[in-house]
């Protein structure tokens, strides 16, 4: 029986699969950051969901990628995790490459 790592390596050898996988990296990274922040603060999904006024299952869907999320909702999640949400635009090429542009996203109702 193949391991998960072996199956993943085999799939990612296909250039089309690799392209799609890489395209989802930012989304996975964001969801992973939410999970890491929640667990590092010792909060359960249920506790964060209660702070958001929603159900644990809704937060589970967000963390697992089974639902899309808006920036406004991310700001609410950040608030429930006692954090601020910041969005950055980082030019990839040219003279602007070192010009990172950041925006702090206010929590709705603040």
C-alpha atoms as a PDB file:
ATOM      1  CA  UNK A   1       0.000   0.000   0.000  1.00  0.00           C
ATOM      2  CA  UNK A   2       1.287   3.472  -0.900  1.00  0.00           C
ATOM      3  CA  UNK A   3       1.685   6.156   1.705  1.00  0.00           C
ATOM      4  CA  UNK A   4       0.008   9.543   1.457  1.00  0.00           C
ATOM      5  CA  UNK A   5       3.373  11.132   0.622  1.00  0.00           C
ATOM      6  CA  UNK A   6       3.953   8.670  -2.227  1.00  0.00           C
ATOM      7  CA  UNK A   7       0.519   9.268  -3.726  1.00  0.00           C
ATOM      8  CA  UNK A   8       0.943  13.043  -3.408  1.00  0.00           C
ATOM      9  CA  UNK A   9       4.393  12.942  -5.033  1.00  0.00           C
ATOM     10  CA  UNK A  10       3.002  10.870  -7.903  1.00  0.00           C
ATOM     11  CA  UNK A  11       0.087  13.217  -8.479  1.00  0.00           C
ATOM     12  CA  UNK A  12       2.249  16.334  -8.315  1.00  0.00           C
ATOM     13  CA  UNK A  13       4.529  14.899 -11.002  1.00  0.00           C
ATOM     14  CA  UNK A  14       1.745  15.766 -13.454  1.00  0.00           C
ATOM     15  CA  UNK A  15       2.314  19.418 -14.527  1.00  0.00           C
ATOM     16  CA  UNK A  16      -1.424  20.168 -14.729  1.00  0.00           C
ATOM     17  CA  UNK A  17      -2.047  18.840 -11.231  1.00  0.00           C
ATOM     18  CA  UNK A  18       0.994  20.768  -9.936  1.00  0.00           C
ATOM     19  CA  UNK A  19      -0.307  24.006 -11.474  1.00  0.00           C
ATOM     20  CA  UNK A  20      -3.719  23.616  -9.816  1.00  0.00           C
ATOM     21  CA  UNK A  21      -2.133  22.601  -6.508  1.00  0.00           C
ATOM     22  CA  UNK A  22       0.141  25.650  -6.531  1.00  0.00           C
ATOM     23  CA  UNK A  23      -2.804  27.916  -7.394  1.00  0.00           C
ATOM     24  CA  UNK A  24      -4.514  26.872  -4.163  1.00  0.00           C
ATOM     25  CA  UNK A  25      -1.459  27.473  -1.967  1.00  0.00           C
ATOM     26  CA  UNK A  26      -2.573  30.913  -0.746  1.00  0.00           C
ATOM     27  CA  UNK A  27      -6.010  29.628   0.238  1.00  0.00           C
ATOM     28  CA  UNK A  28      -4.536  26.646   2.093  1.00  0.00           C
ATOM     29  CA  UNK A  29      -2.034  28.924   3.789  1.00  0.00           C
ATOM     30  CA  UNK A  30      -4.784  31.251   5.011  1.00  0.00           C
ATOM     31  CA  UNK A  31      -6.894  28.408   6.365  1.00  0.00           C
ATOM     32  CA  UNK A  32      -3.836  26.874   8.042  1.00  0.00           C
ATOM     33  CA  UNK A  33      -3.044  30.239   9.653  1.00  0.00           C
ATOM     34  CA  UNK A  34      -6.558  30.393  11.126  1.00  0.00           C
ATOM     35  CA  UNK A  35      -6.187  26.901  12.563  1.00  0.00           C
ATOM     36  CA  UNK A  36      -2.722  27.671  13.954  1.00  0.00           C
ATOM     37  CA  UNK A  37      -3.894  30.904  15.566  1.00  0.00           C
ATOM     38  CA  UNK A  38      -6.963  29.236  17.063  1.00  0.00           C
ATOM     39  CA  UNK A  39      -5.030  26.292  18.496  1.00  0.00           C
ATOM     40  CA  UNK A  40      -2.133  28.440  19.729  1.00  0.00           C
ATOM     41  CA  UNK A  41      -4.588  30.499  21.763  1.00  0.00           C
ATOM     42  CA  UNK A  42      -6.124  27.330  23.199  1.00  0.00           C
ATOM     43  CA  UNK A  43      -9.547  27.964  21.705  1.00  0.00           C
ATOM     44  CA  UNK A  44     -11.812  25.242  20.385  1.00  0.00           C
ATOM     45  CA  UNK A  45     -13.820  25.591  17.208  1.00  0.00           C
ATOM     46  CA  UNK A  46     -16.907  25.778  19.402  1.00  0.00           C
ATOM     47  CA  UNK A  47     -15.514  28.701  21.438  1.00  0.00           C
ATOM     48  CA  UNK A  48     -14.575  30.686  18.332  1.00  0.00           C
ATOM     49  CA  UNK A  49     -17.916  29.886  16.707  1.00  0.00           C
ATOM     50  CA  UNK A  50     -19.764  31.163  19.779  1.00  0.00           C
ATOM     51  CA  UNK A  51     -17.773  34.408  19.627  1.00  0.00           C
ATOM     52  CA  UNK A  52     -18.793  34.689  15.965  1.00  0.00           C
ATOM     53  CA  UNK A  53     -22.440  33.935  16.726  1.00  0.00           C
ATOM     54  CA  UNK A  54     -22.418  30.824  14.570  1.00  0.00           C
ATOM     55  CA  UNK A  55     -22.129  27.058  14.886  1.00  0.00           C
ATOM     56  CA  UNK A  56     -18.979  24.964  15.322  1.00  0.00           C
ATOM     57  CA  UNK A  57     -19.787  23.196  12.062  1.00  0.00           C
ATOM     58  CA  UNK A  58     -19.614  26.522  10.184  1.00  0.00           C
ATOM     59  CA  UNK A  59     -16.101  27.176  11.492  1.00  0.00           C
ATOM     60  CA  UNK A  60     -15.135  23.606  10.643  1.00  0.00           C
ATOM     61  CA  UNK A  61     -16.259  24.155   7.038  1.00  0.00           C
ATOM     62  CA  UNK A  62     -14.202  27.357   6.872  1.00  0.00           C
ATOM     63  CA  UNK A  63     -11.063  25.681   8.249  1.00  0.00           C
ATOM     64  CA  UNK A  64     -11.401  22.642   6.002  1.00  0.00           C
ATOM     65  CA  UNK A  65     -12.000  24.643   2.822  1.00  0.00           C
ATOM     66  CA  UNK A  66     -15.538  23.449   2.224  1.00  0.00           C
ATOM     67  CA  UNK A  67     -16.854  27.007   2.131  1.00  0.00           C
ATOM     68  CA  UNK A  68     -15.774  30.330   0.706  1.00  0.00           C
ATOM     69  CA  UNK A  69     -15.184  33.269   2.964  1.00  0.00           C
ATOM     70  CA  UNK A  70     -15.397  37.040   2.613  1.00  0.00           C
ATOM     71  CA  UNK A  71     -12.871  39.547   3.902  1.00  0.00           C
ATOM     72  CA  UNK A  72     -15.553  40.854   6.271  1.00  0.00           C
ATOM     73  CA  UNK A  73     -16.034  37.396   7.758  1.00  0.00           C
ATOM     74  CA  UNK A  74     -12.263  36.938   8.039  1.00  0.00           C
ATOM     75  CA  UNK A  75     -12.155  40.199  10.002  1.00  0.00           C
ATOM     76  CA  UNK A  76     -14.782  38.799  12.375  1.00  0.00           C
ATOM     77  CA  UNK A  77     -12.759  35.590  12.763  1.00  0.00           C
ATOM     78  CA  UNK A  78      -9.647  37.652  13.493  1.00  0.00           C
ATOM     79  CA  UNK A  79     -11.575  39.598  16.122  1.00  0.00           C
ATOM     80  CA  UNK A  80     -12.826  36.370  17.731  1.00  0.00           C
ATOM     81  CA  UNK A  81      -9.171  35.274  17.876  1.00  0.00           C
ATOM     82  CA  UNK A  82      -8.149  38.618  19.429  1.00  0.00           C
ATOM     83  CA  UNK A  83      -6.188  39.529  16.300  1.00  0.00           C
ATOM     84  CA  UNK A  84      -6.188  42.074  13.526  1.00  0.00           C
ATOM     85  CA  UNK A  85      -6.572  41.154   9.875  1.00  0.00           C
ATOM     86  CA  UNK A  86      -4.102  42.702   7.452  1.00  0.00           C
ATOM     87  CA  UNK A  87      -4.011  42.204   3.703  1.00  0.00           C
ATOM     88  CA  UNK A  88      -0.853  42.811   1.693  1.00  0.00           C
ATOM     89  CA  UNK A  89      -0.239  43.370  -1.978  1.00  0.00           C
ATOM     90  CA  UNK A  90       3.334  42.517  -2.896  1.00  0.00           C
ATOM     91  CA  UNK A  91       4.382  43.293  -6.477  1.00  0.00           C
ATOM     92  CA  UNK A  92       6.171  40.307  -8.032  1.00  0.00           C
ATOM     93  CA  UNK A  93       8.316  42.083 -10.597  1.00  0.00           C
ATOM     94  CA  UNK A  94       9.721  45.386 -11.747  1.00  0.00           C
ATOM     95  CA  UNK A  95      10.640  48.524  -9.875  1.00  0.00           C
ATOM     96  CA  UNK A  96       7.704  48.109  -7.497  1.00  0.00           C
ATOM     97  CA  UNK A  97       8.874  44.689  -6.252  1.00  0.00           C
ATOM     98  CA  UNK A  98       9.990  46.036  -2.875  1.00  0.00           C
ATOM     99  CA  UNK A  99       6.865  48.196  -2.429  1.00  0.00           C
ATOM    100  CA  UNK A 100       4.614  46.112  -0.193  1.00  0.00           C
ATOM    101  CA  UNK A 101       1.176  47.684   0.239  1.00  0.00           C
ATOM    102  CA  UNK A 102      -0.739  46.695   3.351  1.00  0.00           C
ATOM    103  CA  UNK A 103      -4.273  47.374   4.488  1.00  0.00           C
ATOM    104  CA  UNK A 104      -5.667  46.769   7.935  1.00  0.00           C
ATOM    105  CA  UNK A 105      -9.198  45.427   7.698  1.00  0.00           C
ATOM    106  CA  UNK A 106     -11.430  46.877  10.419  1.00  0.00           C
ATOM    107  CA  UNK A 107     -13.737  44.599  12.332  1.00  0.00           C
ATOM    108  CA  UNK A 108     -17.359  45.314  11.369  1.00  0.00           C
ATOM    109  CA  UNK A 109     -19.048  47.287  14.121  1.00  0.00           C
ATOM    110  CA  UNK A 110     -15.843  48.864  15.471  1.00  0.00           C
END
